[in-house]
Amino acid sequence: MRLSQYAKQQGISYSTALRWWRQGAIRGYQAPTGTIIVEVEEKPQHQEKHVIIYARVSSPEHRENLERQAERLVQYCTVRGYQVHQVVKEIGSGVNDSRPKLLAVLKDPQASRIVVEHKDRLTRFGFRYLETLLAVQDRTIEVVNLAENSTEDLLSDLTSIIYSFCARLYGQRRAKRKTEALVAQIKEEALPDAAG
């Protein structure tokens, strides 16, 4: 665009725009005719936040609570003026780090705002890590209610943690016994060959 058009668009005088161009504050070039052409950087259009609601309960017995939780979040977003693109509902422990629906939301670069009712609906541990990593990607987690959730959910998650540690512990012992048995079998098979 011509420098005169630029000055008018910016609400400044032509002489001010010319001075800025000479100082290098305005990018542009001078055409052979003497007209100064300003290279205007196109500003990216304001992108609407891609809002995703994430609701979770720890067990199927709480399915009704899951529906109510999702409804409350939709109402919250409506009041805030957010256009909700997706409502994700999941049943699983807050300590389970392999919830497929949550992982899909976290992997989706379009999900610029994730709305949850409580921090622990997203995860019991490591909320700050998720929040920090998403912030680096210019994405946010919006927590509606910062108060802690029910004792029942905490007990359910504690049970999940104990179960997980027991499975690891007993799994390791079983693996050790299998390895020892396999080594003994190989030794037995190797001894007759050495003798013969």
N, C-alpha and C. Protein backbone atom coordinates (compact mmCIF):
# COMPACT_ATOMS: atom_id res chain seq x y z
N MET A 1 0.85 -1.17 0.00
CA MET A 1 0.00 0.00 0.00
C MET A 1 0.89 1.24 0.00
N ARG A 2 0.38 2.31 -0.55
CA ARG A 2 1.14 3.56 -0.60
C ARG A 2 1.30 4.15 0.79
N LEU A 3 2.37 4.91 0.99
CA LEU A 3 2.66 5.50 2.29
C LEU A 3 1.53 6.41 2.74
N SER A 4 0.93 7.13 1.81
CA SER A 4 -0.18 8.03 2.16
C SER A 4 -1.38 7.23 2.69
N GLN A 5 -1.66 6.08 2.08
CA GLN A 5 -2.75 5.22 2.55
C GLN A 5 -2.43 4.67 3.94
N TYR A 6 -1.18 4.28 4.11
CA TYR A 6 -0.75 3.75 5.41
C TYR A 6 -0.93 4.80 6.50
N ALA A 7 -0.50 6.04 6.21
CA ALA A 7 -0.61 7.12 7.19
C ALA A 7 -2.07 7.35 7.58
N LYS A 8 -2.95 7.33 6.58
CA LYS A 8 -4.38 7.55 6.84
C LYS A 8 -4.94 6.41 7.69
N GLN A 9 -4.54 5.18 7.36
CA GLN A 9 -5.03 4.00 8.08
C GLN A 9 -4.58 4.03 9.54
N GLN A 10 -3.36 4.51 9.77
CA GLN A 10 -2.80 4.53 11.12
C GLN A 10 -3.22 5.77 11.91
N GLY A 11 -3.82 6.73 11.22
CA GLY A 11 -4.26 7.96 11.89
C GLY A 11 -3.11 8.90 12.19
N ILE A 12 -2.09 8.90 11.34
CA ILE A 12 -0.94 9.80 11.52
C ILE A 12 -0.80 10.67 10.27
N SER A 13 -0.02 11.73 10.39
CA SER A 13 0.17 12.60 9.23
C SER A 13 1.15 11.94 8.25
N TYR A 14 1.09 12.40 7.01
CA TYR A 14 1.98 11.85 5.99
C TYR A 14 3.44 12.13 6.35
N SER A 15 3.70 13.34 6.90
CA SER A 15 5.09 13.70 7.24
C SER A 15 5.64 12.79 8.35
N THR A 16 4.80 12.42 9.30
CA THR A 16 5.23 11.49 10.36
C THR A 16 5.53 10.13 9.77
N ALA A 17 4.64 9.65 8.88
CA ALA A 17 4.86 8.35 8.24
C ALA A 17 6.14 8.37 7.42
N LEU A 18 6.41 9.49 6.72
CA LEU A 18 7.62 9.61 5.91
C LEU A 18 8.86 9.58 6.80
N ARG A 19 8.78 10.30 7.92
CA ARG A 19 9.91 10.30 8.87
C ARG A 19 10.17 8.89 9.40
N TRP A 20 9.10 8.18 9.77
CA TRP A 20 9.24 6.80 10.27
C TRP A 20 9.84 5.90 9.20
N TRP A 21 9.43 6.09 7.95
CA TRP A 21 9.97 5.26 6.86
C TRP A 21 11.46 5.51 6.68
N ARG A 22 11.85 6.78 6.75
CA ARG A 22 13.28 7.14 6.60
C ARG A 22 14.11 6.59 7.76
N GLN A 23 13.50 6.50 8.97
CA GLN A 23 14.20 5.98 10.14
C GLN A 23 14.23 4.44 10.14
N GLY A 24 13.46 3.83 9.24
CA GLY A 24 13.43 2.37 9.17
C GLY A 24 12.37 1.74 10.06
N ALA A 25 11.51 2.56 10.66
CA ALA A 25 10.46 2.03 11.53
C ALA A 25 9.32 1.40 10.72
N ILE A 26 9.20 1.81 9.47
CA ILE A 26 8.18 1.27 8.59
C ILE A 26 8.91 0.55 7.46
N ARG A 27 8.53 -0.70 7.24
CA ARG A 27 9.17 -1.47 6.16
C ARG A 27 8.51 -1.13 4.84
N GLY A 28 9.33 -0.96 3.82
CA GLY A 28 8.79 -0.66 2.51
C GLY A 28 9.92 -0.36 1.53
N TYR A 29 9.55 0.11 0.36
CA TYR A 29 10.54 0.45 -0.67
C TYR A 29 9.99 1.59 -1.50
N GLN A 30 10.91 2.23 -2.22
CA GLN A 30 10.50 3.33 -3.09
C GLN A 30 10.50 2.84 -4.52
N ALA A 31 9.37 2.99 -5.18
CA ALA A 31 9.21 2.57 -6.57
C ALA A 31 9.97 3.55 -7.47
N PRO A 32 10.31 3.15 -8.71
CA PRO A 32 11.02 4.03 -9.64
C PRO A 32 10.29 5.37 -9.89
N THR A 33 8.99 5.37 -9.69
CA THR A 33 8.21 6.60 -9.87
C THR A 33 8.35 7.54 -8.69
N GLY A 34 8.97 7.08 -7.58
CA GLY A 34 9.12 7.90 -6.38
C GLY A 34 8.10 7.58 -5.31
N THR A 35 7.09 6.79 -5.65
CA THR A 35 6.06 6.42 -4.68
C THR A 35 6.65 5.44 -3.66
N ILE A 36 6.35 5.71 -2.40
CA ILE A 36 6.82 4.82 -1.33
C ILE A 36 5.74 3.78 -1.07
N ILE A 37 6.12 2.53 -1.20
CA ILE A 37 5.20 1.41 -0.97
C ILE A 37 5.54 0.78 0.38
N VAL A 38 4.55 0.70 1.25
CA VAL A 38 4.74 0.13 2.59
C VAL A 38 4.40 -1.36 2.52
N GLU A 39 5.29 -2.17 3.07
CA GLU A 39 5.03 -3.61 3.17
C GLU A 39 4.32 -3.87 4.50
N VAL A 40 3.05 -4.06 4.41
CA VAL A 40 2.25 -4.25 5.61
C VAL A 40 2.24 -5.73 5.97
N GLU A 41 2.61 -6.00 7.23
CA GLU A 41 2.56 -7.38 7.70
C GLU A 41 1.12 -7.72 8.00
N GLU A 42 0.67 -8.81 7.42
CA GLU A 42 -0.70 -9.23 7.69
C GLU A 42 -0.75 -9.84 9.07
N LYS A 43 -1.61 -9.27 9.87
CA LYS A 43 -1.77 -9.80 11.23
C LYS A 43 -2.64 -11.04 11.16
N PRO A 44 -2.23 -12.09 11.86
CA PRO A 44 -3.09 -13.27 11.87
C PRO A 44 -4.44 -12.93 12.49
N GLN A 45 -5.48 -13.42 11.87
CA GLN A 45 -6.80 -13.16 12.41
C GLN A 45 -6.91 -13.80 13.78
N HIS A 46 -7.65 -13.14 14.65
CA HIS A 46 -7.84 -13.66 16.00
C HIS A 46 -8.48 -15.04 15.92
N GLN A 47 -7.75 -16.00 16.41
CA GLN A 47 -8.27 -17.36 16.37
C GLN A 47 -9.12 -17.60 17.61
N GLU A 48 -10.29 -18.11 17.37
CA GLU A 48 -11.18 -18.44 18.46
C GLU A 48 -10.60 -19.64 19.20
N LYS A 49 -10.69 -19.58 20.50
CA LYS A 49 -10.20 -20.71 21.29
C LYS A 49 -11.01 -21.95 20.99
N HIS A 50 -10.30 -23.05 20.79
CA HIS A 50 -10.95 -24.34 20.54
C HIS A 50 -11.17 -24.97 21.91
N VAL A 51 -12.37 -24.85 22.43
CA VAL A 51 -12.67 -25.26 23.80
C VAL A 51 -13.13 -26.71 23.83
N ILE A 52 -12.49 -27.48 24.70
CA ILE A 52 -12.88 -28.87 24.91
C ILE A 52 -13.16 -29.05 26.40
N ILE A 53 -14.31 -29.65 26.67
CA ILE A 53 -14.69 -29.97 28.05
C ILE A 53 -14.23 -31.40 28.33
N TYR A 54 -13.58 -31.59 29.47
CA TYR A 54 -13.17 -32.93 29.87
C TYR A 54 -13.81 -33.25 31.22
N ALA A 55 -14.66 -34.28 31.24
CA ALA A 55 -15.31 -34.72 32.46
C ALA A 55 -14.89 -36.16 32.73
N ARG A 56 -14.66 -36.49 34.02
CA ARG A 56 -14.21 -37.84 34.36
C ARG A 56 -14.77 -38.25 35.70
N VAL A 57 -15.10 -39.51 35.82
CA VAL A 57 -15.40 -40.14 37.10
C VAL A 57 -14.56 -41.39 37.21
N SER A 58 -14.38 -41.88 38.43
CA SER A 58 -13.45 -42.98 38.64
C SER A 58 -14.03 -44.36 38.35
N SER A 59 -15.36 -44.51 38.40
CA SER A 59 -15.92 -45.85 38.19
C SER A 59 -17.29 -45.77 37.52
N PRO A 60 -17.73 -46.87 36.89
CA PRO A 60 -19.02 -46.87 36.20
C PRO A 60 -20.22 -46.58 37.11
N GLU A 61 -20.09 -46.85 38.41
CA GLU A 61 -21.19 -46.57 39.33
C GLU A 61 -21.51 -45.08 39.40
N HIS A 62 -20.56 -44.26 39.00
CA HIS A 62 -20.74 -42.81 39.07
C HIS A 62 -21.12 -42.20 37.71
N ARG A 63 -21.65 -43.01 36.82
CA ARG A 63 -21.98 -42.53 35.47
C ARG A 63 -22.94 -41.34 35.49
N GLU A 64 -23.92 -41.37 36.41
CA GLU A 64 -24.87 -40.25 36.50
C GLU A 64 -24.14 -38.96 36.88
N ASN A 65 -23.17 -39.06 37.77
CA ASN A 65 -22.37 -37.90 38.15
C ASN A 65 -21.57 -37.39 36.95
N LEU A 66 -21.12 -38.30 36.11
CA LEU A 66 -20.37 -37.92 34.91
C LEU A 66 -21.24 -37.04 34.01
N GLU A 67 -22.49 -37.45 33.82
CA GLU A 67 -23.41 -36.67 32.98
C GLU A 67 -23.68 -35.30 33.60
N ARG A 68 -23.91 -35.26 34.91
CA ARG A 68 -24.17 -33.98 35.58
C ARG A 68 -22.94 -33.07 35.52
N GLN A 69 -21.76 -33.67 35.68
CA GLN A 69 -20.52 -32.92 35.62
C GLN A 69 -20.38 -32.27 34.24
N ALA A 70 -20.64 -33.04 33.19
CA ALA A 70 -20.54 -32.52 31.82
C ALA A 70 -21.55 -31.39 31.60
N GLU A 71 -22.76 -31.56 32.11
CA GLU A 71 -23.80 -30.53 31.97
C GLU A 71 -23.38 -29.23 32.68
N ARG A 72 -22.83 -29.36 33.89
CA ARG A 72 -22.37 -28.18 34.61
C ARG A 72 -21.29 -27.44 33.84
N LEU A 73 -20.37 -28.21 33.23
CA LEU A 73 -19.29 -27.59 32.48
C LEU A 73 -19.80 -26.90 31.21
N VAL A 74 -20.78 -27.50 30.56
CA VAL A 74 -21.38 -26.86 29.38
C VAL A 74 -22.05 -25.55 29.79
N GLN A 75 -22.77 -25.55 30.90
CA GLN A 75 -23.41 -24.33 31.39
C GLN A 75 -22.36 -23.26 31.71
N TYR A 76 -21.28 -23.68 32.35
CA TYR A 76 -20.19 -22.75 32.70
C TYR A 76 -19.63 -22.10 31.43
N CYS A 77 -19.36 -22.92 30.42
CA CYS A 77 -18.80 -22.41 29.17
C CYS A 77 -19.77 -21.47 28.46
N THR A 78 -21.04 -21.80 28.52
CA THR A 78 -22.06 -20.95 27.89
C THR A 78 -22.08 -19.58 28.56
N VAL A 79 -22.04 -19.56 29.89
CA VAL A 79 -22.04 -18.30 30.62
C VAL A 79 -20.79 -17.49 30.30
N ARG A 80 -19.67 -18.16 30.14
CA ARG A 80 -18.40 -17.48 29.83
C ARG A 80 -18.30 -17.05 28.37
N GLY A 81 -19.24 -17.52 27.55
CA GLY A 81 -19.23 -17.15 26.13
C GLY A 81 -18.33 -18.03 25.29
N TYR A 82 -17.93 -19.18 25.81
CA TYR A 82 -17.08 -20.09 25.05
C TYR A 82 -17.94 -20.92 24.11
N GLN A 83 -17.43 -21.13 22.93
CA GLN A 83 -18.09 -22.05 22.01
C GLN A 83 -17.42 -23.42 22.19
N VAL A 84 -18.16 -24.36 22.72
CA VAL A 84 -17.62 -25.69 23.02
C VAL A 84 -17.56 -26.50 21.73
N HIS A 85 -16.37 -27.02 21.43
CA HIS A 85 -16.19 -27.84 20.23
C HIS A 85 -16.39 -29.32 20.50
N GLN A 86 -16.14 -29.73 21.75
CA GLN A 86 -16.24 -31.15 22.07
C GLN A 86 -16.42 -31.34 23.57
N VAL A 87 -17.24 -32.31 23.93
CA VAL A 87 -17.40 -32.71 25.33
C VAL A 87 -16.88 -34.13 25.44
N VAL A 88 -15.81 -34.30 26.20
CA VAL A 88 -15.18 -35.61 26.35
C VAL A 88 -15.53 -36.14 27.74
N LYS A 89 -16.11 -37.34 27.78
CA LYS A 89 -16.48 -37.98 29.05
C LYS A 89 -15.70 -39.28 29.16
N GLU A 90 -15.10 -39.49 30.32
CA GLU A 90 -14.28 -40.69 30.49
C GLU A 90 -14.47 -41.28 31.89
N ILE A 91 -14.43 -42.59 31.94
CA ILE A 91 -14.49 -43.30 33.21
C ILE A 91 -13.12 -43.94 33.43
N GLY A 92 -12.48 -43.59 34.54
CA GLY A 92 -11.16 -44.14 34.83
C GLY A 92 -10.56 -43.42 36.02
N SER A 93 -9.61 -44.06 36.64
CA SER A 93 -8.94 -43.50 37.80
C SER A 93 -8.12 -42.27 37.41
N GLY A 94 -8.07 -41.31 38.31
CA GLY A 94 -7.27 -40.11 38.10
C GLY A 94 -5.78 -40.37 38.15
N VAL A 95 -5.38 -41.54 38.66
CA VAL A 95 -3.96 -41.87 38.70
C VAL A 95 -3.54 -42.70 37.49
N ASN A 96 -4.51 -43.12 36.69
CA ASN A 96 -4.22 -43.90 35.49
C ASN A 96 -3.69 -42.96 34.42
N ASP A 97 -2.46 -43.20 33.98
CA ASP A 97 -1.87 -42.30 32.98
C ASP A 97 -2.06 -42.79 31.54
N SER A 98 -2.93 -43.76 31.35
CA SER A 98 -3.18 -44.24 29.98
C SER A 98 -4.67 -44.19 29.64
N ARG A 99 -5.30 -43.07 30.00
CA ARG A 99 -6.70 -42.87 29.63
C ARG A 99 -6.75 -42.39 28.19
N PRO A 100 -7.28 -43.19 27.26
CA PRO A 100 -7.20 -42.86 25.83
C PRO A 100 -7.88 -41.55 25.44
N LYS A 101 -9.00 -41.24 26.06
CA LYS A 101 -9.70 -40.01 25.68
C LYS A 101 -8.93 -38.77 26.13
N LEU A 102 -8.37 -38.81 27.34
CA LEU A 102 -7.57 -37.68 27.80
C LEU A 102 -6.31 -37.53 26.94
N LEU A 103 -5.67 -38.64 26.64
CA LEU A 103 -4.46 -38.57 25.81
C LEU A 103 -4.78 -37.96 24.44
N ALA A 104 -5.93 -38.31 23.88
CA ALA A 104 -6.33 -37.74 22.58
C ALA A 104 -6.52 -36.23 22.69
N VAL A 105 -7.12 -35.77 23.78
CA VAL A 105 -7.31 -34.33 23.98
C VAL A 105 -5.96 -33.63 24.12
N LEU A 106 -5.05 -34.22 24.89
CA LEU A 106 -3.74 -33.61 25.10
C LEU A 106 -2.91 -33.58 23.82
N LYS A 107 -3.09 -34.57 22.95
CA LYS A 107 -2.35 -34.63 21.68
C LYS A 107 -2.92 -33.69 20.63
N ASP A 108 -4.17 -33.27 20.79
CA ASP A 108 -4.84 -32.45 19.79
C ASP A 108 -4.35 -31.00 19.87
N PRO A 109 -3.57 -30.55 18.88
CA PRO A 109 -3.05 -29.17 18.94
C PRO A 109 -4.14 -28.12 18.80
N GLN A 110 -5.31 -28.50 18.30
CA GLN A 110 -6.43 -27.57 18.18
C GLN A 110 -7.09 -27.28 19.53
N ALA A 111 -6.89 -28.16 20.49
CA ALA A 111 -7.50 -28.00 21.82
C ALA A 111 -6.76 -26.91 22.57
N SER A 112 -7.16 -25.67 22.37
CA SER A 112 -6.44 -24.55 22.97
C SER A 112 -6.89 -24.25 24.40
N ARG A 113 -8.10 -24.69 24.76
CA ARG A 113 -8.57 -24.50 26.13
C ARG A 113 -9.29 -25.78 26.57
N ILE A 114 -8.79 -26.39 27.65
CA ILE A 114 -9.41 -27.60 28.20
C ILE A 114 -10.06 -27.18 29.51
N VAL A 115 -11.38 -27.38 29.59
CA VAL A 115 -12.13 -26.96 30.78
C VAL A 115 -12.47 -28.19 31.60
N VAL A 116 -12.09 -28.16 32.89
CA VAL A 116 -12.38 -29.26 33.82
C VAL A 116 -13.02 -28.69 35.07
N GLU A 117 -13.79 -29.53 35.77
CA GLU A 117 -14.47 -29.05 36.97
C GLU A 117 -13.51 -28.89 38.15
N HIS A 118 -12.65 -29.88 38.35
CA HIS A 118 -11.64 -29.86 39.41
C HIS A 118 -10.32 -30.29 38.80
N LYS A 119 -9.20 -29.89 39.42
CA LYS A 119 -7.89 -30.33 38.94
C LYS A 119 -7.81 -31.84 38.86
N ASP A 120 -8.35 -32.52 39.88
CA ASP A 120 -8.22 -33.98 39.93
C ASP A 120 -9.10 -34.69 38.91
N ARG A 121 -9.98 -33.98 38.23
CA ARG A 121 -10.74 -34.61 37.14
C ARG A 121 -9.81 -34.85 35.96
N LEU A 122 -8.78 -34.00 35.84
CA LEU A 122 -7.80 -34.18 34.77
C LEU A 122 -6.76 -35.21 35.20
N THR A 123 -6.18 -35.01 36.37
CA THR A 123 -5.19 -35.95 36.89
C THR A 123 -5.01 -35.73 38.39
N ARG A 124 -4.72 -36.81 39.10
CA ARG A 124 -4.48 -36.70 40.55
C ARG A 124 -3.08 -36.18 40.82
N PHE A 125 -2.14 -36.55 39.97
CA PHE A 125 -0.74 -36.16 40.16
C PHE A 125 -0.21 -35.50 38.90
N GLY A 126 0.63 -34.52 39.07
CA GLY A 126 1.30 -33.91 37.93
C GLY A 126 0.49 -32.85 37.19
N PHE A 127 -0.53 -32.29 37.84
CA PHE A 127 -1.35 -31.27 37.17
C PHE A 127 -0.48 -30.10 36.72
N ARG A 128 0.41 -29.66 37.59
CA ARG A 128 1.26 -28.50 37.27
C ARG A 128 2.14 -28.78 36.05
N TYR A 129 2.61 -30.02 35.90
CA TYR A 129 3.42 -30.38 34.74
C TYR A 129 2.61 -30.22 33.45
N LEU A 130 1.38 -30.77 33.46
CA LEU A 130 0.52 -30.66 32.29
C LEU A 130 0.22 -29.20 31.97
N GLU A 131 -0.09 -28.44 33.00
CA GLU A 131 -0.42 -27.03 32.82
C GLU A 131 0.75 -26.27 32.20
N THR A 132 1.96 -26.54 32.68
CA THR A 132 3.15 -25.87 32.18
C THR A 132 3.44 -26.26 30.74
N LEU A 133 3.37 -27.55 30.44
CA LEU A 133 3.64 -27.99 29.07
C LEU A 133 2.63 -27.44 28.07
N LEU A 134 1.37 -27.39 28.46
CA LEU A 134 0.35 -26.84 27.57
C LEU A 134 0.52 -25.33 27.40
N ALA A 135 0.95 -24.64 28.45
CA ALA A 135 1.17 -23.20 28.36
C ALA A 135 2.26 -22.87 27.35
N VAL A 136 3.28 -23.70 27.27
CA VAL A 136 4.34 -23.51 26.29
C VAL A 136 3.79 -23.58 24.86
N GLN A 137 2.73 -24.36 24.68
CA GLN A 137 2.08 -24.50 23.37
C GLN A 137 0.95 -23.49 23.18
N ASP A 138 0.87 -22.49 24.07
CA ASP A 138 -0.19 -21.48 24.05
C ASP A 138 -1.57 -22.12 24.20
N ARG A 139 -1.63 -23.11 25.09
CA ARG A 139 -2.88 -23.80 25.41
C ARG A 139 -3.09 -23.68 26.91
N THR A 140 -4.35 -23.73 27.34
CA THR A 140 -4.63 -23.55 28.76
C THR A 140 -5.56 -24.63 29.30
N ILE A 141 -5.43 -24.85 30.59
CA ILE A 141 -6.37 -25.70 31.32
C ILE A 141 -7.13 -24.74 32.22
N GLU A 142 -8.44 -24.74 32.11
CA GLU A 142 -9.26 -23.88 32.95
C GLU A 142 -9.99 -24.74 33.96
N VAL A 143 -9.72 -24.50 35.23
CA VAL A 143 -10.33 -25.25 36.31
C VAL A 143 -11.48 -24.42 36.87
N VAL A 144 -12.68 -24.97 36.83
CA VAL A 144 -13.88 -24.25 37.26
C VAL A 144 -13.91 -24.11 38.77
N ASN A 145 -13.65 -25.19 39.48
CA ASN A 145 -13.76 -25.21 40.94
C ASN A 145 -12.43 -25.67 41.52
N LEU A 146 -11.75 -24.78 42.21
CA LEU A 146 -10.42 -25.12 42.74
C LEU A 146 -10.48 -25.90 44.05
N ALA A 147 -11.68 -26.11 44.60
CA ALA A 147 -11.82 -26.89 45.83
C ALA A 147 -11.53 -28.36 45.54
N GLU A 148 -11.12 -29.08 46.57
CA GLU A 148 -10.83 -30.50 46.42
C GLU A 148 -12.12 -31.29 46.26
N ASN A 149 -12.00 -32.48 45.70
CA ASN A 149 -13.18 -33.30 45.43
C ASN A 149 -13.45 -34.27 46.57
N SER A 150 -14.40 -35.17 46.37
CA SER A 150 -14.92 -36.02 47.44
C SER A 150 -13.92 -37.05 47.96
N THR A 151 -14.16 -37.47 49.19
CA THR A 151 -13.36 -38.50 49.84
C THR A 151 -13.49 -39.82 49.10
N GLU A 152 -14.68 -40.10 48.58
CA GLU A 152 -14.92 -41.36 47.88
C GLU A 152 -13.99 -41.51 46.68
N ASP A 153 -13.81 -40.43 45.91
CA ASP A 153 -12.91 -40.47 44.76
C ASP A 153 -11.46 -40.66 45.21
N LEU A 154 -11.09 -39.99 46.32
CA LEU A 154 -9.73 -40.15 46.82
C LEU A 154 -9.45 -41.59 47.24
N LEU A 155 -10.42 -42.21 47.90
CA LEU A 155 -10.26 -43.61 48.31
C LEU A 155 -10.16 -44.52 47.09
N SER A 156 -10.96 -44.25 46.08
CA SER A 156 -10.91 -45.05 44.86
C SER A 156 -9.53 -44.93 44.20
N ASP A 157 -8.99 -43.71 44.18
CA ASP A 157 -7.66 -43.52 43.59
C ASP A 157 -6.57 -44.17 44.43
N LEU A 158 -6.71 -44.11 45.75
CA LEU A 158 -5.74 -44.76 46.63
C LEU A 158 -5.73 -46.26 46.37
N THR A 159 -6.92 -46.86 46.22
CA THR A 159 -7.02 -48.28 45.91
C THR A 159 -6.31 -48.59 44.60
N SER A 160 -6.49 -47.73 43.60
CA SER A 160 -5.82 -47.91 42.30
C SER A 160 -4.31 -47.87 42.44
N ILE A 161 -3.82 -46.94 43.27
CA ILE A 161 -2.37 -46.84 43.48
C ILE A 161 -1.83 -48.10 44.13
N ILE A 162 -2.50 -48.56 45.18
CA ILE A 162 -2.06 -49.77 45.88
C ILE A 162 -2.08 -50.96 44.93
N TYR A 163 -3.15 -51.08 44.15
CA TYR A 163 -3.26 -52.18 43.19
C TYR A 163 -2.12 -52.13 42.18
N SER A 164 -1.82 -50.94 41.69
CA SER A 164 -0.75 -50.77 40.70
C SER A 164 0.60 -51.18 41.27
N PHE A 165 0.90 -50.74 42.50
CA PHE A 165 2.17 -51.10 43.12
C PHE A 165 2.25 -52.59 43.41
N CYS A 166 1.15 -53.18 43.84
CA CYS A 166 1.14 -54.63 44.10
C CYS A 166 1.37 -55.40 42.81
N ALA A 167 0.73 -54.96 41.73
CA ALA A 167 0.91 -55.64 40.45
C ALA A 167 2.36 -55.55 39.99
N ARG A 168 2.97 -54.40 40.18
CA ARG A 168 4.38 -54.25 39.80
C ARG A 168 5.27 -55.15 40.66
N LEU A 169 5.02 -55.12 41.96
CA LEU A 169 5.83 -55.89 42.89
C LEU A 169 5.73 -57.38 42.58
N TYR A 170 4.49 -57.89 42.50
CA TYR A 170 4.31 -59.31 42.25
C TYR A 170 4.71 -59.67 40.83
N GLY A 171 4.53 -58.75 39.92
CA GLY A 171 4.95 -58.99 38.54
C GLY A 171 6.45 -59.14 38.45
N GLN A 172 7.18 -58.33 39.21
CA GLN A 172 8.64 -58.41 39.21
C GLN A 172 9.10 -59.72 39.84
N ARG A 173 8.44 -60.13 40.92
CA ARG A 173 8.80 -61.40 41.55
C ARG A 173 8.55 -62.56 40.61
N ARG A 174 7.40 -62.52 39.93
CA ARG A 174 7.07 -63.58 38.98
C ARG A 174 8.10 -63.61 37.84
N ALA A 175 8.47 -62.44 37.36
CA ALA A 175 9.47 -62.36 36.29
C ALA A 175 10.81 -62.91 36.75
N LYS A 176 11.18 -62.61 38.01
CA LYS A 176 12.45 -63.12 38.55
C LYS A 176 12.41 -64.64 38.64
N ARG A 177 11.27 -65.19 39.13
CA ARG A 177 11.15 -66.66 39.23
C ARG A 177 11.21 -67.29 37.84
N LYS A 178 10.55 -66.69 36.86
CA LYS A 178 10.58 -67.24 35.50
C LYS A 178 12.00 -67.21 34.94
N THR A 179 12.71 -66.11 35.18
CA THR A 179 14.09 -65.99 34.69
C THR A 179 14.98 -67.05 35.34
N GLU A 180 14.83 -67.22 36.66
CA GLU A 180 15.63 -68.22 37.36
C GLU A 180 15.32 -69.62 36.84
N ALA A 181 14.05 -69.92 36.60
CA ALA A 181 13.67 -71.24 36.08
C ALA A 181 14.24 -71.45 34.68
N LEU A 182 14.20 -70.41 33.86
CA LEU A 182 14.73 -70.51 32.50
C LEU A 182 16.25 -70.74 32.51
N VAL A 183 16.96 -70.03 33.39
CA VAL A 183 18.41 -70.20 33.52
C VAL A 183 18.72 -71.62 33.98
N ALA A 184 17.97 -72.13 34.95
CA ALA A 184 18.18 -73.50 35.44
C ALA A 184 17.94 -74.51 34.33
N GLN A 185 16.90 -74.31 33.53
CA GLN A 185 16.59 -75.22 32.42
C GLN A 185 17.72 -75.21 31.39
N ILE A 186 18.25 -74.03 31.08
CA ILE A 186 19.34 -73.94 30.10
C ILE A 186 20.58 -74.64 30.63
N LYS A 187 20.86 -74.47 31.95
CA LYS A 187 22.00 -75.15 32.56
C LYS A 187 21.86 -76.65 32.48
N GLU A 188 20.62 -77.16 32.77
CA GLU A 188 20.38 -78.60 32.71
C GLU A 188 20.58 -79.14 31.30
N GLU A 189 20.11 -78.38 30.31
CA GLU A 189 20.23 -78.83 28.92
C GLU A 189 21.69 -78.77 28.46
N ALA A 190 22.45 -77.82 29.00
CA ALA A 190 23.84 -77.66 28.61
C ALA A 190 24.73 -78.74 29.24
N LEU A 191 24.41 -79.20 30.44
CA LEU A 191 25.23 -80.19 31.14
C LEU A 191 25.30 -81.54 30.40
N PRO A 192 24.17 -82.12 29.93
CA PRO A 192 24.29 -83.38 29.22
C PRO A 192 25.11 -83.25 27.94
N ASP A 193 24.99 -82.12 27.27
CA ASP A 193 25.79 -81.92 26.05
C ASP A 193 27.27 -81.87 26.34
N ALA A 194 27.63 -81.26 27.47
CA ALA A 194 29.04 -81.14 27.85
C ALA A 194 29.60 -82.50 28.25
N ALA A 195 28.74 -83.34 28.88
CA ALA A 195 29.18 -84.65 29.31
C ALA A 195 29.35 -85.59 28.11
N GLY A 196 28.53 -85.42 27.07
CA GLY A 196 28.53 -86.34 25.94
C GLY A 196 29.51 -86.00 24.92
